[in-house]
Protein backbone atom coordinates (compact mmCIF):
# COMPACT_ATOMS: atom_id res chain seq x y z
CA MET A 1 6.15 29.55 -30.20
CA LYS A 2 4.07 26.32 -30.78
CA SER A 3 7.28 24.12 -30.47
CA ALA A 4 7.89 25.76 -27.07
CA LEU A 5 4.37 25.19 -25.68
CA ARG A 6 4.37 21.52 -27.23
CA HIS A 7 7.90 21.07 -25.20
CA ALA A 8 6.52 22.39 -21.98
CA LEU A 9 3.44 20.36 -22.22
CA LEU A 10 5.19 17.27 -22.85
CA THR A 11 7.69 17.78 -20.13
CA GLY A 12 4.89 18.31 -17.69
CA LEU A 13 3.11 14.95 -18.79
CA ALA A 14 6.45 13.27 -18.45
CA ILE A 15 6.85 14.73 -14.80
CA TRP A 16 3.28 13.84 -13.68
CA PHE A 17 3.76 10.32 -15.12
CA LEU A 18 6.72 9.48 -13.39
CA CYS A 19 5.40 10.94 -10.27
CA ALA A 20 2.50 8.96 -10.57
CA CYS A 21 4.19 5.50 -11.07
CA GLU A 22 6.24 5.11 -7.93
CA SER A 23 7.95 2.01 -7.52
CA ARG A 24 6.60 -0.90 -5.35
CA ASN A 25 9.97 -2.30 -4.86
CA GLY A 26 10.94 -2.80 -0.90
CA TRP A 27 7.57 -3.43 0.44
CA GLU A 28 6.78 -6.68 -0.88
CA GLY A 29 6.40 -9.50 1.86
CA ARG A 30 4.36 -10.29 4.80
CA TYR A 31 3.17 -8.16 7.61
CA VAL A 32 1.45 -9.25 10.76
CA SER A 33 0.08 -7.22 13.55
CA PRO A 34 2.13 -8.01 16.90
CA GLU A 35 -0.41 -7.15 19.11
CA ALA A 36 -2.67 -10.21 18.25
CA GLY A 37 -3.99 -12.12 21.13
CA ALA A 38 -7.07 -12.93 23.19
CA SER A 39 -8.94 -9.57 22.58
CA SER A 40 -7.26 -8.69 19.08
CA PRO A 41 -7.95 -10.78 15.81
CA ALA A 42 -4.85 -12.06 14.16
CA ILE A 43 -4.34 -9.60 10.97
CA SER A 44 -1.83 -10.28 8.45
CA LEU A 45 -1.18 -8.43 5.08
CA THR A 46 0.76 -10.10 2.03
CA LEU A 47 2.02 -7.76 -0.65
CA GLN A 48 3.29 -9.60 -4.00
CA ALA A 49 5.69 -7.88 -6.34
CA ASP A 50 3.14 -7.96 -9.17
CA GLY A 51 0.70 -5.46 -7.14
CA LYS A 52 -1.43 -8.30 -5.75
CA GLY A 53 -1.90 -9.35 -2.22
CA LEU A 54 -3.83 -10.86 0.35
CA TRP A 55 -5.41 -9.07 3.64
CA GLN A 56 -6.48 -11.79 6.14
CA VAL A 57 -8.41 -11.15 9.58
CA ASP A 58 -8.46 -14.51 11.56
CA GLN A 59 -9.42 -16.95 9.28
CA GLU A 60 -11.13 -14.62 6.67
CA SER A 61 -9.39 -13.50 3.61
CA THR A 62 -9.81 -10.87 1.18
CA PRO A 63 -7.61 -10.46 -2.13
CA ILE A 64 -6.31 -6.89 -2.67
CA ARG A 65 -4.54 -5.01 -5.22
CA TRP A 66 -1.94 -2.55 -4.19
CA GLU A 67 0.34 0.37 -5.07
CA LYS A 68 2.64 2.86 -3.78
CA ARG A 69 0.87 6.49 -4.02
CA GLN A 70 1.63 9.79 -2.50
CA GLY A 71 4.05 8.39 -0.03
CA ALA A 72 1.42 5.64 1.43
CA LEU A 73 0.42 2.27 0.29
CA TRP A 74 -3.09 2.32 -1.19
CA LEU A 75 -5.04 -1.24 -0.68
CA HIS A 76 -7.86 -1.66 -3.28
CA VAL A 77 -10.20 -4.46 -2.00
CA ARG A 78 -12.36 -6.20 -4.48
CA THR A 79 -15.67 -4.63 -3.35
CA GLY A 80 -14.22 -1.43 -4.39
CA GLY A 81 -12.91 0.06 -1.10
CA VAL A 82 -9.47 1.69 -0.52
CA LEU A 83 -7.32 1.33 2.77
CA ILE A 84 -4.53 3.64 3.09
CA ALA A 85 -1.50 2.19 4.74
CA ASP A 86 1.21 4.75 6.11
CA ILE A 87 4.95 3.61 5.81
CA GLN A 88 7.72 3.86 7.91
CA PRO A 89 10.98 3.52 5.59
CA GLY A 90 13.89 1.93 7.51
CA GLN A 91 11.57 0.16 9.98
CA ASN A 92 9.82 -2.20 7.74
CA THR A 93 6.46 -1.40 9.38
CA ILE A 94 3.50 0.00 8.07
CA THR A 95 0.16 1.20 9.79
CA VAL A 96 -3.22 0.63 8.19
CA ARG A 97 -5.97 3.11 9.03
CA LEU A 98 -9.23 1.17 9.43
CA PRO A 99 -12.42 3.04 9.11
CA GLY A 100 -14.49 2.88 12.30
CA SER A 101 -11.89 1.01 14.43
CA GLY A 102 -8.63 2.99 13.99
CA PRO A 103 -5.09 2.16 13.11
CA VAL A 104 -3.57 -1.32 13.04
CA PHE A 105 0.25 -1.61 13.25
CA LEU A 106 2.10 -4.26 10.94
CA LEU A 107 5.49 -5.46 11.26
CA LYS A 108 7.15 -6.98 8.30
CA THR A 109 8.07 -10.79 8.94
CA SER A 110 9.31 -12.07 5.56
CA ASN A 111 10.02 -11.08 2.08
């Protein structure tokens, strides 16, 4: 009985760990907002393979840490906030939900 319970517990932990550690592969690169212009700021996002990155609006930059979690990209800013980016597989685009100003569409321009 103990052996079966231990086996079930270890199997459950292994499945949870594998789901929690989704791969970052494929999302690394530079993304830009195509609608930047006179009324919209230039926004870019750089995602590095090591889980680090850079969020840039006009001339201001903020280092981030990122991970793929629950089918989205979670962008952790240094001050403790988190931005959620919805991914569109196969289209090389992401949409970042910004609090107070709505979504920002970003298009991948390079790896």
